[in-house]
Amino acid sequence: MCILFSYCGDNDTQSDYQLIVAENRDEYYDRSALNMSLWKDSNVVAGRDLGAPDGDGTWLAVSPQRRKLGVLLNVPYNNRADAKSRGRLVTDYVQCDLSIEEYIKTKEDYVKETNQFVLVTYEFGNNTKVNTYTNSTNQLQTWENTCLGFSNSLPDKPLTKAVAGRRALSDICSRLNKVAQKQQLIEELLTLLKSKEPHLPDQELQNRTPMYQQFSSIFVTIPEGRYGTRTHTIVLLTKTGHLDIIEGSIQNPVDLENPNWKRTEFQFDL
């Protein structure tokens, strides 16, 4: 399970920000991964999921050069053991010069051989373009909402915690919309991503798993399954073109009694 929130400030004249993204990656604690870094062969900023078949995929990637961001959300239905890597879809997208519409056409055959997913994409030129594509329904959608929240369900059937987090993000971004407030903004976004408040009832989640209560919070922790939220990522893009990328990631080996969180930061002027 993962969760993603975003704010697009193109039409908010009071805000200094064009785009704000806050994301949690949930995964097995013992699945091998590398912290976010600058991939020198492609100028992409991303972590690496070493547990993927090719070890070259990720859950979130940013290309400052191409002004693209991609996030992969798992849709946990009918997983196949022989499926191709979904994480490659994120890195391939941000490294190419194609629009999302053109890119999806090139992947028509590939996505039939992966497990189900939602790919959320951002193209941040003069204005921000937000799209979702899911191979569950083969549907590409464009979103014009100021605040959005997506998790491990179809985009138009959000989990209750995604709706609650979206409302919380709207409040945060309405109060902390100046560059001078950046540190407080980051701290409140992290507080949102670390929230263990359950968001129930949620029939969509309850229909999916008997463990729905443990998955009903934004921050997930299931010690007995060695599974939970491993990484927080925050992306801040000002209207003047300054880009901050901040990752907080729990380090392996994961000791839940004394977790070691490492913070990594990148800055770019576009």
Protein backbone atom coordinates (compact mmCIF):
# COMPACT_ATOMS: atom_id res chain seq x y z
CA MET A 1 0.00 0.00 0.00
CA CYS A 2 1.13 3.54 -0.74
CA ILE A 3 -0.51 6.96 -0.63
CA LEU A 4 0.00 10.22 -2.52
CA PHE A 5 -1.27 13.76 -2.02
CA SER A 6 -0.68 16.76 -4.25
CA TYR A 7 -1.54 20.44 -4.47
CA CYS A 8 -1.40 22.44 -7.72
CA GLY A 9 -1.18 26.17 -7.12
CA ASP A 10 -1.35 27.42 -10.71
CA ASN A 11 -4.66 29.20 -10.05
CA ASP A 12 -3.97 30.16 -6.42
CA THR A 13 -2.69 33.73 -6.59
CA GLN A 14 -1.93 33.74 -2.86
CA SER A 15 0.51 30.82 -3.06
CA ASP A 16 4.21 30.89 -3.91
CA TYR A 17 4.01 27.23 -4.96
CA GLN A 18 3.19 25.70 -8.32
CA LEU A 19 3.27 22.12 -7.04
CA ILE A 20 3.44 20.36 -3.68
CA VAL A 21 3.60 16.56 -3.48
CA ALA A 22 3.65 14.38 -0.35
CA GLU A 23 3.93 10.60 -0.68
CA ASN A 24 4.37 7.49 1.46
CA ARG A 25 5.86 4.26 0.20
CA ASP A 26 4.62 1.16 2.05
CA GLU A 27 6.57 -2.04 1.54
CA TYR A 28 7.99 -5.09 3.29
CA TYR A 29 10.76 -3.92 5.61
CA ASP A 30 13.16 -6.55 4.36
CA ARG A 31 12.76 -5.84 0.64
CA SER A 32 16.03 -4.40 -0.61
CA ALA A 33 16.04 -0.79 -1.80
CA LEU A 34 18.38 2.17 -2.20
CA ASN A 35 17.72 5.67 -0.90
CA MET A 36 16.88 8.46 -3.31
CA SER A 37 19.85 9.62 -5.36
CA LEU A 38 20.71 11.43 -8.57
CA TRP A 39 21.01 8.78 -11.28
CA LYS A 40 24.08 10.09 -13.09
CA ASP A 41 23.31 8.27 -16.32
CA SER A 42 19.95 10.01 -16.71
CA ASN A 43 19.74 13.07 -14.40
CA VAL A 44 16.77 11.48 -12.64
CA VAL A 45 16.23 11.72 -8.88
CA ALA A 46 14.76 8.48 -7.50
CA GLY A 47 15.21 5.57 -5.15
CA ARG A 48 15.80 2.07 -6.48
CA ASP A 49 13.65 -0.97 -5.77
CA LEU A 50 16.22 -3.75 -5.77
CA GLY A 51 13.51 -6.31 -5.14
CA ALA A 52 12.05 -5.75 -8.62
CA PRO A 53 12.91 -8.30 -11.35
CA ASP A 54 15.44 -6.00 -13.05
CA GLY A 55 16.44 -3.88 -10.04
CA ASP A 56 15.97 -0.74 -12.10
CA GLY A 57 12.50 0.37 -11.07
CA THR A 58 11.23 2.78 -8.48
CA TRP A 59 8.08 4.04 -6.79
CA LEU A 60 8.70 7.77 -7.37
CA ALA A 61 11.02 9.60 -9.76
CA VAL A 62 11.62 13.23 -10.72
CA SER A 63 13.33 14.58 -13.83
CA PRO A 64 14.18 18.26 -13.24
CA GLN A 65 15.52 18.45 -16.80
CA ARG A 66 12.28 17.26 -18.42
CA ARG A 67 10.06 18.76 -15.68
CA LYS A 68 8.32 15.49 -14.98
CA LEU A 69 7.36 13.52 -11.88
CA GLY A 70 5.95 10.01 -11.78
CA VAL A 71 4.55 7.93 -8.91
CA LEU A 72 3.51 4.28 -8.97
CA LEU A 73 0.69 3.00 -6.76
CA ASN A 74 -0.01 -0.71 -6.46
CA VAL A 75 -3.56 -1.99 -7.02
CA PRO A 76 -3.45 -5.27 -5.05
CA TYR A 77 -5.63 -7.65 -7.05
CA ASN A 78 -4.80 -11.01 -8.68
CA ASN A 79 -1.01 -10.68 -8.61
CA ARG A 80 0.94 -12.84 -11.07
CA ALA A 81 4.27 -14.40 -10.16
CA ASP A 82 5.60 -13.94 -13.70
CA ALA A 83 4.55 -10.30 -14.07
CA LYS A 84 6.91 -7.70 -15.54
CA SER A 85 8.19 -4.82 -13.41
CA ARG A 86 5.80 -1.94 -12.82
CA GLY A 87 8.57 0.23 -11.40
CA ARG A 88 10.17 0.54 -14.83
CA LEU A 89 7.11 2.48 -15.97
CA VAL A 90 8.01 5.37 -13.65
CA THR A 91 11.65 5.69 -14.65
CA ASP A 92 10.93 5.19 -18.35
CA TYR A 93 8.27 7.92 -18.26
CA VAL A 94 10.36 10.62 -16.60
CA GLN A 95 13.36 9.89 -18.82
CA CYS A 96 11.48 10.22 -22.11
CA ASP A 97 10.35 13.33 -23.98
CA LEU A 98 6.87 11.95 -24.70
CA SER A 99 3.66 13.29 -23.23
CA ILE A 100 1.78 10.88 -21.00
CA GLU A 101 -0.71 10.20 -23.80
CA GLU A 102 2.08 9.29 -26.21
CA TYR A 103 3.95 7.33 -23.56
CA ILE A 104 1.00 5.10 -22.65
CA LYS A 105 0.54 4.21 -26.33
CA THR A 106 4.10 2.89 -26.44
CA LYS A 107 3.40 0.68 -23.40
CA GLU A 108 0.12 -0.89 -24.53
CA ASP A 109 1.58 -4.39 -24.75
CA TYR A 110 3.89 -4.08 -21.74
CA VAL A 111 1.16 -3.11 -19.24
CA LYS A 112 -0.81 -6.23 -20.14
CA GLU A 113 2.02 -8.26 -18.61
CA THR A 114 2.33 -6.39 -15.30
CA ASN A 115 0.28 -6.61 -12.15
CA GLN A 116 -2.33 -3.91 -11.64
CA PHE A 117 -1.24 -0.36 -10.86
CA VAL A 118 -2.06 3.34 -10.97
CA LEU A 119 0.58 5.60 -12.52
CA VAL A 120 0.25 9.24 -11.43
CA THR A 121 2.15 11.72 -13.59
CA TYR A 122 2.95 15.42 -13.33
CA GLU A 123 4.25 17.59 -16.16
CA PHE A 124 5.22 20.98 -14.72
CA GLY A 125 5.90 23.47 -17.48
CA ASN A 126 4.23 26.88 -17.35
CA ASN A 127 1.24 25.06 -15.85
CA THR A 128 0.97 21.71 -14.10
CA LYS A 129 -0.68 18.80 -15.87
CA VAL A 130 -1.78 15.87 -13.70
CA ASN A 131 -2.82 12.51 -15.11
CA THR A 132 -3.53 9.02 -13.86
CA TYR A 133 -3.38 5.83 -15.86
CA THR A 134 -4.43 2.41 -14.61
CA ASN A 135 -4.11 -0.85 -16.47
CA SER A 136 -6.99 -2.18 -14.34
CA THR A 137 -9.42 -0.35 -16.66
CA ASN A 138 -6.98 0.93 -19.32
CA GLN A 139 -8.16 4.43 -18.44
CA LEU A 140 -6.11 7.63 -18.72
CA GLN A 141 -7.61 10.57 -16.82
CA THR A 142 -6.69 14.23 -16.48
CA TRP A 143 -7.23 15.92 -13.12
CA GLU A 144 -7.76 19.67 -12.66
CA ASN A 145 -8.52 19.68 -8.92
CA THR A 146 -6.28 21.87 -6.77
CA CYS A 147 -5.82 19.13 -4.15
CA LEU A 148 -5.72 15.42 -4.96
CA GLY A 149 -5.33 12.20 -3.00
CA PHE A 150 -4.68 8.73 -4.43
CA SER A 151 -3.92 5.39 -2.82
CA ASN A 152 -4.19 1.71 -3.70
CA SER A 153 -7.56 1.86 -5.43
CA LEU A 154 -8.90 3.11 -8.71
CA PRO A 155 -8.45 6.90 -8.93
CA ASP A 156 -12.18 7.63 -9.02
CA LYS A 157 -12.80 5.30 -6.05
CA PRO A 158 -10.48 6.77 -3.41
CA LEU A 159 -9.95 5.14 -0.05
CA THR A 160 -11.34 7.06 2.93
CA LYS A 161 -7.84 7.89 4.16
CA ALA A 162 -6.98 9.45 0.79
CA VAL A 163 -10.02 11.72 1.04
CA ALA A 164 -9.16 12.68 4.63
CA GLY A 165 -5.54 13.36 3.71
CA ARG A 166 -6.59 15.48 0.76
CA ARG A 167 -8.65 17.69 3.06
CA ALA A 168 -5.73 17.97 5.48
CA LEU A 169 -3.38 18.91 2.64
CA SER A 170 -5.77 21.63 1.49
CA ASP A 171 -5.71 23.15 4.98
CA ILE A 172 -1.91 22.99 5.20
CA CYS A 173 -1.37 24.57 1.78
CA SER A 174 -3.88 27.35 2.45
CA ARG A 175 -1.98 28.41 5.60
CA LEU A 176 1.64 27.76 4.67
CA ASN A 177 1.80 29.05 1.13
CA LYS A 178 4.85 31.34 1.31
CA VAL A 179 8.47 30.37 0.71
CA ALA A 180 9.40 31.97 4.03
CA GLN A 181 7.25 29.30 5.74
CA LYS A 182 8.96 26.39 3.96
CA GLN A 183 10.33 24.64 7.04
CA GLN A 184 6.98 24.72 8.81
CA LEU A 185 5.32 23.50 5.61
CA ILE A 186 7.71 20.54 5.44
CA GLU A 187 7.13 19.67 9.09
CA GLU A 188 3.34 19.74 8.73
CA LEU A 189 3.50 17.62 5.59
CA LEU A 190 5.63 15.09 7.47
CA THR A 191 3.12 15.10 10.32
CA LEU A 192 0.40 14.30 7.79
CA LEU A 193 2.45 11.46 6.30
CA LYS A 194 3.16 10.06 9.78
CA SER A 195 -0.49 10.07 10.87
CA LYS A 196 -1.61 6.77 12.41
CA GLU A 197 -5.23 7.87 12.81
CA PRO A 198 -7.58 5.19 11.41
CA HIS A 199 -10.04 6.34 8.74
CA LEU A 200 -13.02 4.05 8.99
CA PRO A 201 -15.52 2.95 7.86
CA ASP A 202 -14.11 2.22 4.41
CA GLN A 203 -16.11 -0.37 2.50
CA GLU A 204 -13.66 -0.42 -0.41
CA LEU A 205 -10.81 -1.34 1.94
CA GLN A 206 -12.91 -3.75 3.99
CA ASN A 207 -13.95 -5.65 0.87
CA ARG A 208 -10.30 -6.11 -0.06
CA THR A 209 -8.63 -7.44 3.08
CA PRO A 210 -9.48 -8.76 6.55
CA MET A 211 -6.60 -6.57 7.81
CA TYR A 212 -8.42 -3.41 6.70
CA GLN A 213 -8.08 -1.74 10.11
CA GLN A 214 -4.27 -1.88 9.92
CA PHE A 215 -4.32 -0.35 6.43
CA SER A 216 -6.81 2.41 7.27
CA SER A 217 -4.24 4.99 8.42
CA ILE A 218 -1.97 7.15 6.26
CA PHE A 219 1.11 5.77 8.05
CA VAL A 220 0.95 1.97 8.02
CA THR A 221 2.74 -0.30 10.46
CA ILE A 222 2.21 -4.07 10.67
CA PRO A 223 5.08 -5.40 12.84
CA GLU A 224 4.02 -9.04 12.70
CA GLY A 225 4.11 -8.92 8.90
CA ARG A 226 7.36 -6.91 8.74
CA TYR A 227 5.46 -4.43 6.57
CA GLY A 228 4.68 -0.74 6.70
CA THR A 229 5.57 2.79 5.67
CA ARG A 230 9.27 2.88 4.78
CA THR A 231 9.71 6.16 2.93
CA HIS A 232 8.28 9.68 2.92
CA THR A 233 8.87 11.94 -0.09
CA ILE A 234 8.06 15.65 -0.34
CA VAL A 235 8.40 17.68 -3.55
CA LEU A 236 8.06 21.48 -3.50
CA LEU A 237 8.14 23.54 -6.70
CA THR A 238 7.83 27.33 -6.45
CA LYS A 239 6.36 29.50 -9.17
CA THR A 240 9.83 30.96 -9.66
CA GLY A 241 11.16 27.49 -10.55
CA HIS A 242 12.96 26.40 -7.38
CA LEU A 243 12.58 22.67 -6.77
CA ASP A 244 13.10 20.92 -3.42
CA ILE A 245 13.01 17.12 -3.19
CA ILE A 246 13.12 15.65 0.32
CA GLU A 247 13.12 11.99 1.27
CA GLY A 248 12.96 10.41 4.71
CA SER A 249 13.65 6.68 4.57
CA ILE A 250 13.93 4.05 7.28
CA GLN A 251 17.25 2.25 6.93
CA ASN A 252 17.92 -1.47 6.72
CA PRO A 253 18.06 -3.59 8.72
CA VAL A 254 14.76 -2.22 10.09
CA ASP A 255 14.53 -2.27 13.89
CA LEU A 256 10.99 -1.20 14.75
CA GLU A 257 11.96 -0.60 18.38
CA ASN A 258 14.64 1.88 17.32
CA PRO A 259 14.12 2.84 13.66
CA ASN A 260 16.90 4.73 11.90
CA TRP A 261 15.42 7.35 9.56
CA LYS A 262 17.74 9.01 7.05
CA ARG A 263 16.86 12.33 5.41
CA THR A 264 18.11 13.11 1.89
CA GLU A 265 17.57 16.45 0.14
CA PHE A 266 18.06 17.82 -3.39
CA GLN A 267 17.60 21.32 -4.79
CA PHE A 268 17.35 22.51 -8.40
CA ASP A 269 16.59 25.79 -10.15
CA LEU A 270 14.61 25.06 -13.29
